[in-house]
Amino acid sequence: SYGIVSQFISELPQLYLFLSLLLKLISSPWHLIFFDLLFFEEIPLVAAQDLSNILKQGYVEKKRRDHSFFSMEWQKRWCVLNNTIFYYFGSEKDKQQKGSFYINGYSAELVPSLRKDSKKNSCFELSAPGRRSYQFTASSPHEAREWVDQINFVLKGTSDYANYYQCLWDCEADGPDELAFQRGDVIYILSKEYNIHGWWIGELDGAIGIVPKEFLHPAYIL
């Protein structure tokens, strides 16, 4: 027992160093990125013109997180709300997004205090506990309200995360009762009645059919 205690004491400096580094990591902005990686699936790169199921899109100004004296605080971005993912591009012709994030867990609201100029009534923010906040300026107060309303409308309809599954591979329908889907699609599972046979009943883009459960995995880690 003395040897175990002695070894523990000798390793205290290394343990202290590890805990110190861990605390620094947690207190840094990087933990916000790790949060998304742990709780949500990675969002693949996609061209702006290849997105479907678009609920809202348009040019807005996005506030930079790391702006300096030599850089613009607000940047023009082409933003797209696609199901529960918010994308922002340099323009509507970009081949891949500059950034994207799941809006699950966020709330959207108008925040006039983000600016002090004539655009202050066109500002809105997406925020969530423990995650990065995003600030935007729309083209008008009416447009800002539309963004906020649409985002919050989506959030109200996606509270049951456990029923959403992401498709691992493409699947063609072999019969009228089957649901066709592509890799990356997110399907809402209505029933697992035929689970014993390896099939579930799902809904995608308003269409309902049976889907092979082996082709799916949870869209959100709860």
C-alpha atoms as a PDB file:
ATOM      1  CA  SER A   1       0.000   0.000   0.000  1.00  0.00           C
ATOM      2  CA  TYR A   2       2.922   2.317   0.729  1.00  0.00           C
ATOM      3  CA  GLY A   3       4.163   1.795  -2.826  1.00  0.00           C
ATOM      4  CA  ILE A   4       0.782   2.744  -4.289  1.00  0.00           C
ATOM      5  CA  VAL A   5       0.613   5.912  -2.196  1.00  0.00           C
ATOM      6  CA  SER A   6       4.182   6.798  -3.116  1.00  0.00           C
ATOM      7  CA  GLN A   7       3.450   6.331  -6.817  1.00  0.00           C
ATOM      8  CA  PHE A   8       0.308   8.454  -6.545  1.00  0.00           C
ATOM      9  CA  ILE A   9       2.247  11.270  -4.867  1.00  0.00           C
ATOM     10  CA  SER A  10       4.958  11.116  -7.517  1.00  0.00           C
ATOM     11  CA  GLU A  11       2.345  11.472 -10.259  1.00  0.00           C
ATOM     12  CA  LEU A  12       0.584  14.461  -8.689  1.00  0.00           C
ATOM     13  CA  PRO A  13       2.534  17.046 -10.754  1.00  0.00           C
ATOM     14  CA  GLN A  14       1.489  15.349 -14.014  1.00  0.00           C
ATOM     15  CA  LEU A  15      -2.109  15.126 -12.789  1.00  0.00           C
ATOM     16  CA  TYR A  16      -2.081  18.801 -11.858  1.00  0.00           C
ATOM     17  CA  LEU A  17      -0.722  19.695 -15.302  1.00  0.00           C
ATOM     18  CA  PHE A  18      -3.416  17.628 -17.013  1.00  0.00           C
ATOM     19  CA  LEU A  19      -6.190  19.242 -14.973  1.00  0.00           C
ATOM     20  CA  SER A  20      -4.778  22.705 -15.627  1.00  0.00           C
ATOM     21  CA  LEU A  21      -4.744  22.103 -19.376  1.00  0.00           C
ATOM     22  CA  LEU A  22      -8.264  20.686 -19.216  1.00  0.00           C
ATOM     23  CA  LEU A  23      -9.552  23.755 -17.389  1.00  0.00           C
ATOM     24  CA  LYS A  24      -7.886  26.045 -19.915  1.00  0.00           C
ATOM     25  CA  LEU A  25      -9.512  24.109 -22.742  1.00  0.00           C
ATOM     26  CA  ILE A  26     -12.947  24.274 -21.135  1.00  0.00           C
ATOM     27  CA  SER A  27     -12.653  28.014 -20.540  1.00  0.00           C
ATOM     28  CA  SER A  28     -11.628  28.698 -24.138  1.00  0.00           C
ATOM     29  CA  PRO A  29     -13.966  29.209 -27.125  1.00  0.00           C
ATOM     30  CA  TRP A  30     -12.861  25.840 -28.500  1.00  0.00           C
ATOM     31  CA  HIS A  31     -15.127  24.014 -26.075  1.00  0.00           C
ATOM     32  CA  LEU A  32     -18.071  25.406 -28.010  1.00  0.00           C
ATOM     33  CA  ILE A  33     -16.833  23.561 -31.078  1.00  0.00           C
ATOM     34  CA  PHE A  34     -16.288  20.343 -29.123  1.00  0.00           C
ATOM     35  CA  PHE A  35     -19.844  20.606 -27.791  1.00  0.00           C
ATOM     36  CA  ASP A  36     -21.231  20.525 -31.320  1.00  0.00           C
ATOM     37  CA  LEU A  37     -18.970  17.623 -32.287  1.00  0.00           C
ATOM     38  CA  LEU A  38     -20.138  15.579 -29.304  1.00  0.00           C
ATOM     39  CA  PHE A  39     -23.866  16.211 -29.557  1.00  0.00           C
ATOM     40  CA  PHE A  40     -24.475  16.623 -33.289  1.00  0.00           C
ATOM     41  CA  GLU A  41     -23.433  14.926 -36.495  1.00  0.00           C
ATOM     42  CA  GLU A  42     -20.752  16.616 -38.571  1.00  0.00           C
ATOM     43  CA  ILE A  43     -22.262  18.797 -41.294  1.00  0.00           C
ATOM     44  CA  PRO A  44     -20.763  17.972 -44.725  1.00  0.00           C
ATOM     45  CA  LEU A  45     -19.607  20.674 -47.124  1.00  0.00           C
ATOM     46  CA  VAL A  46     -22.204  21.585 -49.727  1.00  0.00           C
ATOM     47  CA  ALA A  47     -22.674  24.145 -52.490  1.00  0.00           C
ATOM     48  CA  ALA A  48     -25.277  26.821 -51.815  1.00  0.00           C
ATOM     49  CA  GLN A  49     -27.188  25.941 -54.984  1.00  0.00           C
ATOM     50  CA  ASP A  50     -27.318  22.231 -54.056  1.00  0.00           C
ATOM     51  CA  LEU A  51     -29.337  22.758 -50.887  1.00  0.00           C
ATOM     52  CA  SER A  52     -32.952  21.617 -50.816  1.00  0.00           C
ATOM     53  CA  ASN A  53     -35.747  21.940 -48.254  1.00  0.00           C
ATOM     54  CA  ILE A  54     -34.914  25.631 -47.894  1.00  0.00           C
ATOM     55  CA  LEU A  55     -37.101  27.351 -45.325  1.00  0.00           C
ATOM     56  CA  LYS A  56     -35.501  30.792 -45.500  1.00  0.00           C
ATOM     57  CA  GLN A  57     -32.580  32.312 -47.387  1.00  0.00           C
ATOM     58  CA  GLY A  58     -31.119  35.686 -48.234  1.00  0.00           C
ATOM     59  CA  TYR A  59     -28.258  38.095 -47.719  1.00  0.00           C
ATOM     60  CA  VAL A  60     -27.623  39.316 -44.195  1.00  0.00           C
ATOM     61  CA  GLU A  61     -24.643  40.806 -42.404  1.00  0.00           C
ATOM     62  CA  LYS A  62     -22.945  38.450 -39.956  1.00  0.00           C
ATOM     63  CA  LYS A  63     -20.918  39.747 -37.044  1.00  0.00           C
ATOM     64  CA  ARG A  64     -17.358  38.459 -37.003  1.00  0.00           C
ATOM     65  CA  ARG A  65     -16.262  36.704 -33.853  1.00  0.00           C
ATOM     66  CA  ASP A  66     -12.614  37.729 -34.232  1.00  0.00           C
ATOM     67  CA  HIS A  67     -12.737  41.134 -35.924  1.00  0.00           C
ATOM     68  CA  SER A  68      -9.876  43.612 -35.441  1.00  0.00           C
ATOM     69  CA  PHE A  69      -9.117  47.239 -36.218  1.00  0.00           C
ATOM     70  CA  PHE A  70      -8.073  46.235 -39.737  1.00  0.00           C
ATOM     71  CA  SER A  71     -11.085  44.022 -40.512  1.00  0.00           C
ATOM     72  CA  MET A  72     -14.792  44.652 -40.926  1.00  0.00           C
ATOM     73  CA  GLU A  73     -16.934  43.869 -37.883  1.00  0.00           C
ATOM     74  CA  TRP A  74     -19.897  42.889 -40.073  1.00  0.00           C
ATOM     75  CA  GLN A  75     -19.603  40.796 -43.237  1.00  0.00           C
ATOM     76  CA  LYS A  76     -22.176  40.209 -45.950  1.00  0.00           C
ATOM     77  CA  ARG A  77     -23.195  36.547 -46.065  1.00  0.00           C
ATOM     78  CA  TRP A  78     -25.679  34.433 -48.003  1.00  0.00           C
ATOM     79  CA  CYS A  79     -27.558  32.580 -45.267  1.00  0.00           C
ATOM     80  CA  VAL A  80     -29.786  29.547 -45.665  1.00  0.00           C
ATOM     81  CA  LEU A  81     -32.033  27.833 -43.134  1.00  0.00           C
ATOM     82  CA  ASN A  82     -32.235  24.220 -44.277  1.00  0.00           C
ATOM     83  CA  ASN A  83     -34.353  22.091 -41.948  1.00  0.00           C
ATOM     84  CA  THR A  84     -32.481  22.355 -38.641  1.00  0.00           C
ATOM     85  CA  ILE A  85     -29.169  23.535 -40.131  1.00  0.00           C
ATOM     86  CA  PHE A  86     -28.171  27.169 -40.570  1.00  0.00           C
ATOM     87  CA  TYR A  87     -25.627  27.708 -43.374  1.00  0.00           C
ATOM     88  CA  TYR A  88     -23.735  30.870 -44.267  1.00  0.00           C
ATOM     89  CA  PHE A  89     -21.854  31.386 -47.536  1.00  0.00           C
ATOM     90  CA  GLY A  90     -19.860  34.203 -49.102  1.00  0.00           C
ATOM     91  CA  SER A  91     -22.454  34.338 -51.900  1.00  0.00           C
ATOM     92  CA  GLU A  92     -25.289  32.239 -53.304  1.00  0.00           C
ATOM     93  CA  LYS A  93     -22.831  30.796 -55.852  1.00  0.00           C
ATOM     94  CA  ASP A  94     -20.265  29.491 -53.351  1.00  0.00           C
ATOM     95  CA  LYS A  95     -19.292  25.831 -53.722  1.00  0.00           C
ATOM     96  CA  GLN A  96     -19.124  25.281 -49.970  1.00  0.00           C
ATOM     97  CA  GLN A  97     -20.256  27.034 -46.829  1.00  0.00           C
ATOM     98  CA  LYS A  98     -18.023  29.242 -44.730  1.00  0.00           C
ATOM     99  CA  GLY A  99     -19.794  27.867 -41.697  1.00  0.00           C
ATOM    100  CA  SER A 100     -22.852  25.942 -40.555  1.00  0.00           C
ATOM    101  CA  PHE A 101     -24.445  24.766 -37.330  1.00  0.00           C
ATOM    102  CA  TYR A 102     -27.478  22.948 -35.987  1.00  0.00           C
ATOM    103  CA  ILE A 103     -30.068  25.331 -34.565  1.00  0.00           C
ATOM    104  CA  ASN A 104     -31.404  22.701 -32.145  1.00  0.00           C
ATOM    105  CA  GLY A 105     -31.195  24.092 -28.635  1.00  0.00           C
ATOM    106  CA  TYR A 106     -30.867  27.672 -29.864  1.00  0.00           C
ATOM    107  CA  SER A 107     -33.348  30.505 -29.546  1.00  0.00           C
ATOM    108  CA  ALA A 108     -33.668  33.446 -31.927  1.00  0.00           C
ATOM    109  CA  GLU A 109     -34.645  36.973 -30.954  1.00  0.00           C
ATOM    110  CA  LEU A 110     -34.396  40.565 -32.140  1.00  0.00           C
ATOM    111  CA  VAL A 111     -31.524  42.395 -30.410  1.00  0.00           C
ATOM    112  CA  PRO A 112     -31.366  46.132 -31.307  1.00  0.00           C
ATOM    113  CA  SER A 113     -28.451  46.658 -28.906  1.00  0.00           C
ATOM    114  CA  LEU A 114     -26.068  44.839 -31.277  1.00  0.00           C
ATOM    115  CA  ARG A 115     -25.618  48.056 -33.259  1.00  0.00           C
ATOM    116  CA  LYS A 116     -25.868  51.771 -32.625  1.00  0.00           C
ATOM    117  CA  ASP A 117     -26.423  52.909 -36.212  1.00  0.00           C
ATOM    118  CA  SER A 118     -29.555  53.052 -38.377  1.00  0.00           C
ATOM    119  CA  LYS A 119     -29.538  49.247 -38.780  1.00  0.00           C
ATOM    120  CA  LYS A 120     -30.032  48.488 -35.086  1.00  0.00           C
ATOM    121  CA  ASN A 121     -33.692  47.514 -35.516  1.00  0.00           C
ATOM    122  CA  SER A 122     -32.699  44.920 -38.125  1.00  0.00           C
ATOM    123  CA  CYS A 123     -30.468  42.891 -35.789  1.00  0.00           C
ATOM    124  CA  PHE A 124     -31.169  39.421 -34.487  1.00  0.00           C
ATOM    125  CA  GLU A 125     -29.229  36.806 -32.560  1.00  0.00           C
ATOM    126  CA  LEU A 126     -29.144  33.042 -32.175  1.00  0.00           C
ATOM    127  CA  SER A 127     -27.955  31.925 -28.751  1.00  0.00           C
ATOM    128  CA  ALA A 128     -27.870  28.743 -26.664  1.00  0.00           C
ATOM    129  CA  PRO A 129     -26.430  27.876 -23.241  1.00  0.00           C
ATOM    130  CA  GLY A 130     -22.824  26.719 -23.530  1.00  0.00           C
ATOM    131  CA  ARG A 131     -22.629  27.232 -27.279  1.00  0.00           C
ATOM    132  CA  ARG A 132     -21.410  29.946 -29.597  1.00  0.00           C
ATOM    133  CA  SER A 133     -23.788  32.840 -30.266  1.00  0.00           C
ATOM    134  CA  TYR A 134     -24.380  34.228 -33.762  1.00  0.00           C
ATOM    135  CA  GLN A 135     -25.346  37.834 -34.503  1.00  0.00           C
ATOM    136  CA  PHE A 136     -26.855  39.045 -37.778  1.00  0.00           C
ATOM    137  CA  THR A 137     -28.222  42.192 -39.403  1.00  0.00           C
ATOM    138  CA  ALA A 138     -31.009  41.734 -41.955  1.00  0.00           C
ATOM    139  CA  SER A 139     -31.859  44.102 -44.808  1.00  0.00           C
ATOM    140  CA  SER A 140     -34.823  45.525 -42.874  1.00  0.00           C
ATOM    141  CA  PRO A 141     -36.626  45.161 -39.522  1.00  0.00           C
ATOM    142  CA  HIS A 142     -39.346  43.173 -41.306  1.00  0.00           C
ATOM    143  CA  GLU A 143     -36.771  40.781 -42.770  1.00  0.00           C
ATOM    144  CA  ALA A 144     -35.141  40.338 -39.353  1.00  0.00           C
ATOM    145  CA  ARG A 145     -38.517  39.456 -37.853  1.00  0.00           C
ATOM    146  CA  GLU A 146     -39.077  36.881 -40.612  1.00  0.00           C
ATOM    147  CA  TRP A 147     -35.741  35.204 -39.810  1.00  0.00           C
ATOM    148  CA  VAL A 148     -36.542  35.078 -36.102  1.00  0.00           C
ATOM    149  CA  ASP A 149     -40.071  33.774 -36.640  1.00  0.00           C
ATOM    150  CA  GLN A 150     -38.980  31.087 -39.107  1.00  0.00           C
ATOM    151  CA  ILE A 151     -36.146  29.830 -36.898  1.00  0.00           C
ATOM    152  CA  ASN A 152     -38.341  29.666 -33.802  1.00  0.00           C
ATOM    153  CA  PHE A 153     -41.100  27.972 -35.803  1.00  0.00           C
ATOM    154  CA  VAL A 154     -38.663  25.230 -36.835  1.00  0.00           C
ATOM    155  CA  LEU A 155     -37.422  24.826 -33.274  1.00  0.00           C
ATOM    156  CA  LYS A 156     -40.940  24.307 -31.944  1.00  0.00           C
ATOM    157  CA  GLY A 157     -41.491  21.483 -34.412  1.00  0.00           C
ATOM    158  CA  THR A 158     -38.248  19.620 -33.720  1.00  0.00           C
ATOM    159  CA  SER A 159     -38.301  19.110 -29.981  1.00  0.00           C
ATOM    160  CA  ASP A 160     -38.405  15.306 -30.178  1.00  0.00           C
ATOM    161  CA  TYR A 161     -34.822  14.788 -31.407  1.00  0.00           C
ATOM    162  CA  ALA A 162     -34.871  11.049 -30.676  1.00  0.00           C
ATOM    163  CA  ASN A 163     -37.205  10.389 -33.609  1.00  0.00           C
ATOM    164  CA  TYR A 164     -34.862  11.922 -36.189  1.00  0.00           C
ATOM    165  CA  TYR A 165     -32.434   9.623 -37.975  1.00  0.00           C
ATOM    166  CA  GLN A 166     -29.791  10.401 -40.575  1.00  0.00           C
ATOM    167  CA  CYS A 167     -29.339   8.173 -43.612  1.00  0.00           C
ATOM    168  CA  LEU A 168     -25.973   6.447 -43.924  1.00  0.00           C
ATOM    169  CA  TRP A 169     -26.321   5.388 -47.569  1.00  0.00           C
ATOM    170  CA  ASP A 170     -28.522   5.969 -50.614  1.00  0.00           C
ATOM    171  CA  CYS A 171     -31.572   3.725 -50.812  1.00  0.00           C
ATOM    172  CA  GLU A 172     -33.918   3.222 -53.753  1.00  0.00           C
ATOM    173  CA  ALA A 173     -37.516   2.184 -53.162  1.00  0.00           C
ATOM    174  CA  ASP A 174     -38.177  -1.357 -54.425  1.00  0.00           C
ATOM    175  CA  GLY A 175     -41.916  -1.058 -53.856  1.00  0.00           C
ATOM    176  CA  PRO A 176     -44.686   1.534 -53.442  1.00  0.00           C
ATOM    177  CA  ASP A 177     -44.630   1.136 -49.657  1.00  0.00           C
ATOM    178  CA  GLU A 178     -40.894   1.882 -49.364  1.00  0.00           C
ATOM    179  CA  LEU A 179     -39.341   5.309 -48.893  1.00  0.00           C
ATOM    180  CA  ALA A 180     -36.429   6.333 -51.113  1.00  0.00           C
ATOM    181  CA  PHE A 181     -33.701   8.486 -49.601  1.00  0.00           C
ATOM    182  CA  GLN A 182     -30.125   9.656 -50.088  1.00  0.00           C
ATOM    183  CA  ARG A 183     -27.102   9.630 -47.844  1.00  0.00           C
ATOM    184  CA  GLY A 184     -27.281  12.551 -45.432  1.00  0.00           C
ATOM    185  CA  ASP A 185     -31.077  12.903 -45.520  1.00  0.00           C
ATOM    186  CA  VAL A 186     -32.757  13.216 -42.127  1.00  0.00           C
ATOM    187  CA  ILE A 187     -35.849  11.037 -41.718  1.00  0.00           C
ATOM    188  CA  TYR A 188     -38.488  11.408 -39.010  1.00  0.00           C
ATOM    189  CA  ILE A 189     -39.427   7.978 -37.673  1.00  0.00           C
ATOM    190  CA  LEU A 190     -43.171   7.682 -37.123  1.00  0.00           C
ATOM    191  CA  SER A 191     -43.231   4.091 -35.883  1.00  0.00           C
ATOM    192  CA  LYS A 192     -40.953   1.120 -35.147  1.00  0.00           C
ATOM    193  CA  GLU A 193     -43.835  -1.336 -35.498  1.00  0.00           C
ATOM    194  CA  TYR A 194     -41.888  -3.629 -37.847  1.00  0.00           C
ATOM    195  CA  ASN A 195     -38.640  -3.428 -35.891  1.00  0.00           C
ATOM    196  CA  ILE A 196     -38.427  -7.225 -35.583  1.00  0.00           C
ATOM    197  CA  HIS A 197     -38.264  -7.428 -39.385  1.00  0.00           C
ATOM    198  CA  GLY A 198     -35.649  -4.680 -39.650  1.00  0.00           C
ATOM    199  CA  TRP A 199     -38.010  -1.989 -40.931  1.00  0.00           C
ATOM    200  CA  TRP A 200     -39.357   1.279 -39.537  1.00  0.00           C
ATOM    201  CA  ILE A 201     -41.983   3.699 -40.826  1.00  0.00           C
ATOM    202  CA  GLY A 202     -40.516   7.088 -41.679  1.00  0.00           C
ATOM    203  CA  GLU A 203     -41.389  10.431 -43.214  1.00  0.00           C
ATOM    204  CA  LEU A 204     -39.231  12.486 -45.577  1.00  0.00           C
ATOM    205  CA  ASP A 205     -40.339  15.632 -47.410  1.00  0.00           C
ATOM    206  CA  GLY A 206     -43.986  14.783 -46.788  1.00  0.00           C
ATOM    207  CA  ALA A 207     -43.678  11.219 -48.141  1.00  0.00           C
ATOM    208  CA  ILE A 208     -44.273   8.271 -45.794  1.00  0.00           C
ATOM    209  CA  GLY A 209     -42.965   4.726 -46.219  1.00  0.00           C
ATOM    210  CA  ILE A 210     -40.988   1.909 -44.646  1.00  0.00           C
ATOM    211  CA  VAL A 211     -37.214   2.245 -44.336  1.00  0.00           C
ATOM    212  CA  PRO A 212     -34.475  -0.290 -43.450  1.00  0.00           C
ATOM    213  CA  LYS A 213     -33.281   0.581 -39.951  1.00  0.00           C
ATOM    214  CA  GLU A 214     -29.721  -0.622 -40.732  1.00  0.00           C
ATOM    215  CA  PHE A 215     -29.398   2.326 -43.116  1.00  0.00           C
ATOM    216  CA  LEU A 216     -30.054   4.843 -40.341  1.00  0.00           C
ATOM    217  CA  HIS A 217     -28.416   6.202 -37.233  1.00  0.00           C
ATOM    218  CA  PRO A 218     -29.555   8.853 -34.729  1.00  0.00           C
ATOM    219  CA  ALA A 219     -29.279  12.368 -36.117  1.00  0.00           C
ATOM    220  CA  TYR A 220     -28.700  13.746 -32.623  1.00  0.00           C
ATOM    221  CA  ILE A 221     -26.847  12.218 -29.707  1.00  0.00           C
ATOM    222  CA  LEU A 222     -28.997  12.744 -26.622  1.00  0.00           C
END
